[in-house]
Amino acid sequence: MSQRKAAALVSDDAPFGAWLRARRHEEGKSLEVAGRLAKLSVRTLRNIECRLSAEAFVFKLRALFRLADVLDIPREEMMSRLAREVEALEPQQARKEVTMWVAKQ
């Protein structure tokens, strides 16, 4: 996947993607940087926004933390946003697994 395509997939109409895009703009990061970052995390964002099973993306959360570091998003703020997204996960076991993993970070 190209960097440009990955950046486009972090769409404004998806709440978590829109928040990350806004943070990139606030931090003044270039489209190229955003593309590289999006490429790291686009699957995670898609899974979170589509409410897919935790197993599909737990290992990808590390990419989101790298993204947070580059965008100077405090870890607590990223964790808070992730926690809100995880609340909607189904089934219950998936939500529990992700919540436990996030709590350990």
N, C-alpha and C. Protein backbone atom coordinates (compact mmCIF):
# COMPACT_ATOMS: atom_id res chain seq x y z
N MET A 1 0.85 -1.18 0.00
CA MET A 1 0.00 0.00 0.00
C MET A 1 0.89 1.24 0.00
N SER A 2 0.53 2.19 -0.83
CA SER A 2 1.32 3.42 -0.90
C SER A 2 1.07 4.29 0.32
N GLN A 3 2.02 5.18 0.61
CA GLN A 3 1.85 6.11 1.73
C GLN A 3 0.66 7.01 1.51
N ARG A 4 0.48 7.48 0.28
CA ARG A 4 -0.64 8.38 -0.02
C ARG A 4 -1.98 7.67 0.20
N LYS A 5 -2.06 6.41 -0.26
CA LYS A 5 -3.30 5.65 -0.09
C LYS A 5 -3.56 5.40 1.40
N ALA A 6 -2.51 5.06 2.14
CA ALA A 6 -2.66 4.83 3.58
C ALA A 6 -3.15 6.09 4.27
N ALA A 7 -2.59 7.24 3.91
CA ALA A 7 -3.03 8.50 4.52
C ALA A 7 -4.49 8.77 4.19
N ALA A 8 -4.90 8.45 2.96
CA ALA A 8 -6.29 8.68 2.57
C ALA A 8 -7.25 7.78 3.33
N LEU A 9 -6.79 6.59 3.71
CA LEU A 9 -7.65 5.67 4.43
C LEU A 9 -7.94 6.13 5.86
N VAL A 10 -7.09 7.00 6.40
CA VAL A 10 -7.37 7.57 7.72
C VAL A 10 -8.32 8.73 7.46
N SER A 11 -9.57 8.38 7.26
CA SER A 11 -10.53 9.34 6.72
C SER A 11 -11.14 10.24 7.78
N ASP A 12 -11.59 11.41 7.32
CA ASP A 12 -12.21 12.38 8.22
C ASP A 12 -13.58 11.94 8.72
N ASP A 13 -14.23 11.02 8.00
CA ASP A 13 -15.57 10.61 8.42
C ASP A 13 -15.53 9.50 9.47
N ALA A 14 -14.36 8.99 9.80
CA ALA A 14 -14.22 8.00 10.85
C ALA A 14 -13.67 8.72 12.08
N PRO A 15 -14.35 8.65 13.21
CA PRO A 15 -13.98 9.48 14.37
C PRO A 15 -12.52 9.39 14.79
N PHE A 16 -11.98 8.19 14.93
CA PHE A 16 -10.61 8.06 15.41
C PHE A 16 -9.63 8.56 14.35
N GLY A 17 -9.89 8.23 13.10
CA GLY A 17 -9.04 8.70 12.02
C GLY A 17 -9.07 10.22 11.89
N ALA A 18 -10.26 10.80 12.06
CA ALA A 18 -10.39 12.26 11.99
C ALA A 18 -9.59 12.92 13.10
N TRP A 19 -9.64 12.35 14.28
CA TRP A 19 -8.89 12.90 15.42
C TRP A 19 -7.39 12.86 15.13
N LEU A 20 -6.90 11.73 14.62
CA LEU A 20 -5.47 11.63 14.32
C LEU A 20 -5.07 12.61 13.22
N ARG A 21 -5.91 12.75 12.20
CA ARG A 21 -5.61 13.68 11.11
C ARG A 21 -5.54 15.12 11.65
N ALA A 22 -6.47 15.47 12.52
CA ALA A 22 -6.47 16.81 13.11
C ALA A 22 -5.20 17.05 13.92
N ARG A 23 -4.78 16.04 14.66
CA ARG A 23 -3.55 16.18 15.45
C ARG A 23 -2.34 16.36 14.53
N ARG A 24 -2.32 15.66 13.41
CA ARG A 24 -1.21 15.82 12.46
C ARG A 24 -1.16 17.25 11.97
N HIS A 25 -2.32 17.81 11.65
CA HIS A 25 -2.37 19.20 11.17
C HIS A 25 -1.90 20.16 12.27
N GLU A 26 -2.35 19.92 13.50
CA GLU A 26 -1.95 20.78 14.62
C GLU A 26 -0.43 20.77 14.82
N GLU A 27 0.16 19.60 14.64
CA GLU A 27 1.60 19.46 14.85
C GLU A 27 2.41 19.90 13.64
N GLY A 28 1.73 20.21 12.52
CA GLY A 28 2.42 20.68 11.33
C GLY A 28 3.23 19.61 10.62
N LYS A 29 2.80 18.38 10.72
CA LYS A 29 3.52 17.29 10.04
C LYS A 29 3.16 17.29 8.56
N SER A 30 4.12 16.92 7.74
CA SER A 30 3.90 16.90 6.29
C SER A 30 3.05 15.70 5.88
N LEU A 31 2.52 15.76 4.66
CA LEU A 31 1.74 14.65 4.14
C LEU A 31 2.58 13.38 4.06
N GLU A 32 3.87 13.53 3.75
CA GLU A 32 4.74 12.36 3.68
C GLU A 32 4.87 11.69 5.04
N VAL A 33 5.05 12.50 6.08
CA VAL A 33 5.14 11.95 7.44
C VAL A 33 3.82 11.29 7.80
N ALA A 34 2.72 11.96 7.49
CA ALA A 34 1.40 11.40 7.79
C ALA A 34 1.21 10.07 7.06
N GLY A 35 1.68 10.01 5.82
CA GLY A 35 1.56 8.78 5.06
C GLY A 35 2.32 7.63 5.69
N ARG A 36 3.53 7.90 6.12
CA ARG A 36 4.33 6.86 6.77
C ARG A 36 3.65 6.40 8.06
N LEU A 37 3.15 7.36 8.82
CA LEU A 37 2.48 7.02 10.08
C LEU A 37 1.20 6.26 9.82
N ALA A 38 0.44 6.71 8.82
CA ALA A 38 -0.82 6.04 8.51
C ALA A 38 -0.56 4.61 8.05
N LYS A 39 0.51 4.42 7.31
CA LYS A 39 0.84 3.09 6.83
C LYS A 39 1.08 2.14 8.00
N LEU A 40 1.67 2.66 9.07
CA LEU A 40 1.89 1.85 10.27
C LEU A 40 0.58 1.44 10.94
N SER A 41 -0.41 2.32 10.90
CA SER A 41 -1.57 2.11 11.76
C SER A 41 -2.90 1.99 11.04
N VAL A 42 -2.92 2.03 9.71
CA VAL A 42 -4.20 2.08 9.02
C VAL A 42 -5.04 0.83 9.28
N ARG A 43 -4.42 -0.33 9.36
CA ARG A 43 -5.21 -1.54 9.64
C ARG A 43 -5.81 -1.48 11.04
N THR A 44 -5.06 -0.98 11.98
CA THR A 44 -5.59 -0.84 13.34
C THR A 44 -6.78 0.09 13.36
N LEU A 45 -6.65 1.23 12.68
CA LEU A 45 -7.76 2.18 12.65
C LEU A 45 -8.99 1.56 12.00
N ARG A 46 -8.78 0.85 10.90
CA ARG A 46 -9.91 0.21 10.23
C ARG A 46 -10.59 -0.78 11.15
N ASN A 47 -9.79 -1.58 11.85
CA ASN A 47 -10.36 -2.57 12.75
C ASN A 47 -11.12 -1.92 13.90
N ILE A 48 -10.54 -0.88 14.48
CA ILE A 48 -11.22 -0.20 15.58
C ILE A 48 -12.52 0.42 15.09
N GLU A 49 -12.46 1.12 13.96
CA GLU A 49 -13.64 1.81 13.47
C GLU A 49 -14.71 0.85 12.97
N CYS A 50 -14.32 -0.33 12.52
CA CYS A 50 -15.30 -1.33 12.06
C CYS A 50 -15.73 -2.23 13.20
N ARG A 51 -15.20 -2.00 14.38
CA ARG A 51 -15.56 -2.78 15.57
C ARG A 51 -15.26 -4.27 15.40
N LEU A 52 -14.09 -4.56 14.82
CA LEU A 52 -13.72 -5.95 14.63
C LEU A 52 -13.15 -6.53 15.92
N SER A 53 -12.97 -7.82 15.92
CA SER A 53 -12.47 -8.54 17.08
C SER A 53 -11.12 -8.02 17.55
N ALA A 54 -10.90 -8.10 18.83
CA ALA A 54 -9.65 -7.64 19.44
C ALA A 54 -8.45 -8.38 18.88
N GLU A 55 -8.61 -9.67 18.61
CA GLU A 55 -7.47 -10.46 18.15
C GLU A 55 -6.88 -9.90 16.87
N ALA A 56 -7.70 -9.27 16.07
CA ALA A 56 -7.24 -8.76 14.78
C ALA A 56 -6.30 -7.57 14.91
N PHE A 57 -6.33 -6.87 16.04
CA PHE A 57 -5.53 -5.65 16.08
C PHE A 57 -4.75 -5.36 17.35
N VAL A 58 -4.81 -6.21 18.35
CA VAL A 58 -4.09 -5.91 19.60
C VAL A 58 -2.61 -5.67 19.33
N PHE A 59 -1.98 -6.52 18.52
CA PHE A 59 -0.55 -6.35 18.26
C PHE A 59 -0.27 -5.07 17.49
N LYS A 60 -1.24 -4.51 16.79
CA LYS A 60 -1.05 -3.28 16.02
C LYS A 60 -1.15 -2.03 16.89
N LEU A 61 -1.59 -2.16 18.11
CA LEU A 61 -1.71 -0.98 18.98
C LEU A 61 -0.35 -0.33 19.21
N ARG A 62 0.70 -1.11 19.18
CA ARG A 62 2.04 -0.54 19.34
C ARG A 62 2.32 0.49 18.24
N ALA A 63 1.81 0.23 17.03
CA ALA A 63 1.98 1.20 15.93
C ALA A 63 1.28 2.50 16.27
N LEU A 64 0.13 2.43 16.92
CA LEU A 64 -0.57 3.65 17.30
C LEU A 64 0.21 4.42 18.36
N PHE A 65 0.89 3.71 19.25
CA PHE A 65 1.69 4.41 20.25
C PHE A 65 2.89 5.09 19.59
N ARG A 66 3.48 4.46 18.57
CA ARG A 66 4.56 5.13 17.83
C ARG A 66 4.01 6.37 17.14
N LEU A 67 2.82 6.24 16.58
CA LEU A 67 2.15 7.37 15.94
C LEU A 67 1.94 8.50 16.95
N ALA A 68 1.49 8.16 18.13
CA ALA A 68 1.27 9.16 19.18
C ALA A 68 2.57 9.87 19.53
N ASP A 69 3.66 9.12 19.61
CA ASP A 69 4.95 9.73 19.94
C ASP A 69 5.37 10.75 18.88
N VAL A 70 5.21 10.38 17.61
CA VAL A 70 5.62 11.28 16.53
C VAL A 70 4.74 12.52 16.49
N LEU A 71 3.46 12.37 16.78
CA LEU A 71 2.54 13.51 16.75
C LEU A 71 2.50 14.26 18.08
N ASP A 72 3.34 13.86 19.01
CA ASP A 72 3.39 14.50 20.33
C ASP A 72 2.03 14.46 21.03
N ILE A 73 1.35 13.35 20.88
CA ILE A 73 0.09 13.14 21.61
C ILE A 73 0.48 12.46 22.92
N PRO A 74 0.09 13.03 24.05
CA PRO A 74 0.41 12.37 25.32
C PRO A 74 -0.17 10.95 25.35
N ARG A 75 0.59 10.04 25.91
CA ARG A 75 0.15 8.64 25.96
C ARG A 75 -1.22 8.52 26.65
N GLU A 76 -1.43 9.33 27.68
CA GLU A 76 -2.71 9.27 28.39
C GLU A 76 -3.87 9.65 27.47
N GLU A 77 -3.65 10.64 26.62
CA GLU A 77 -4.70 11.06 25.69
C GLU A 77 -4.99 9.96 24.67
N MET A 78 -3.94 9.33 24.15
CA MET A 78 -4.13 8.23 23.21
C MET A 78 -4.87 7.08 23.89
N MET A 79 -4.47 6.76 25.12
CA MET A 79 -5.13 5.67 25.85
C MET A 79 -6.60 5.98 26.07
N SER A 80 -6.90 7.23 26.39
CA SER A 80 -8.28 7.64 26.61
C SER A 80 -9.11 7.46 25.35
N ARG A 81 -8.55 7.90 24.21
CA ARG A 81 -9.26 7.74 22.93
C ARG A 81 -9.46 6.27 22.60
N LEU A 82 -8.42 5.46 22.80
CA LEU A 82 -8.53 4.03 22.53
C LEU A 82 -9.59 3.39 23.42
N ALA A 83 -9.59 3.78 24.69
CA ALA A 83 -10.56 3.20 25.62
C ALA A 83 -11.99 3.48 25.17
N ARG A 84 -12.24 4.70 24.67
CA ARG A 84 -13.58 5.03 24.18
C ARG A 84 -13.96 4.17 22.98
N GLU A 85 -12.99 3.94 22.08
CA GLU A 85 -13.28 3.11 20.91
C GLU A 85 -13.51 1.65 21.32
N VAL A 86 -12.74 1.18 22.29
CA VAL A 86 -12.83 -0.21 22.73
C VAL A 86 -14.18 -0.48 23.39
N GLU A 87 -14.77 0.52 24.01
CA GLU A 87 -16.06 0.34 24.67
C GLU A 87 -17.11 -0.26 23.74
N ALA A 88 -17.01 0.05 22.46
CA ALA A 88 -18.02 -0.42 21.50
C ALA A 88 -17.70 -1.79 20.91
N LEU A 89 -16.57 -2.37 21.29
CA LEU A 89 -16.18 -3.66 20.70
C LEU A 89 -17.13 -4.78 21.09
N GLU A 90 -17.33 -5.68 20.18
CA GLU A 90 -18.07 -6.90 20.42
C GLU A 90 -17.22 -8.05 19.90
N PRO A 91 -17.27 -9.20 20.42
CA PRO A 91 -18.04 -9.60 21.59
C PRO A 91 -17.39 -9.12 22.89
N GLN A 92 -18.01 -9.44 23.97
CA GLN A 92 -17.56 -9.01 25.30
C GLN A 92 -16.12 -9.43 25.56
N GLN A 93 -15.75 -10.64 25.16
CA GLN A 93 -14.39 -11.14 25.42
C GLN A 93 -13.35 -10.28 24.71
N ALA A 94 -13.64 -9.87 23.48
CA ALA A 94 -12.70 -9.03 22.73
C ALA A 94 -12.48 -7.72 23.47
N ARG A 95 -13.56 -7.12 23.96
CA ARG A 95 -13.45 -5.86 24.69
C ARG A 95 -12.59 -6.06 25.94
N LYS A 96 -12.82 -7.15 26.65
CA LYS A 96 -12.06 -7.43 27.87
C LYS A 96 -10.57 -7.58 27.56
N GLU A 97 -10.23 -8.33 26.50
CA GLU A 97 -8.83 -8.54 26.14
C GLU A 97 -8.12 -7.23 25.81
N VAL A 98 -8.76 -6.39 25.02
CA VAL A 98 -8.13 -5.13 24.63
C VAL A 98 -8.02 -4.21 25.83
N THR A 99 -9.07 -4.14 26.64
CA THR A 99 -9.05 -3.27 27.82
C THR A 99 -7.91 -3.68 28.75
N MET A 100 -7.71 -4.98 28.93
CA MET A 100 -6.63 -5.45 29.80
C MET A 100 -5.27 -5.09 29.19
N TRP A 101 -5.12 -5.25 27.86
CA TRP A 101 -3.85 -4.92 27.21
C TRP A 101 -3.55 -3.44 27.33
N VAL A 102 -4.56 -2.60 27.07
CA VAL A 102 -4.38 -1.15 27.14
C VAL A 102 -4.01 -0.73 28.56
N ALA A 103 -4.63 -1.35 29.55
CA ALA A 103 -4.37 -1.01 30.95
C ALA A 103 -2.91 -1.30 31.33
N LYS A 104 -2.30 -2.29 30.69
CA LYS A 104 -0.91 -2.65 31.01
C LYS A 104 0.10 -1.67 30.43
N GLN A 105 -0.29 -0.89 29.45
CA GLN A 105 0.66 -0.02 28.74
C GLN A 105 1.03 1.21 29.54
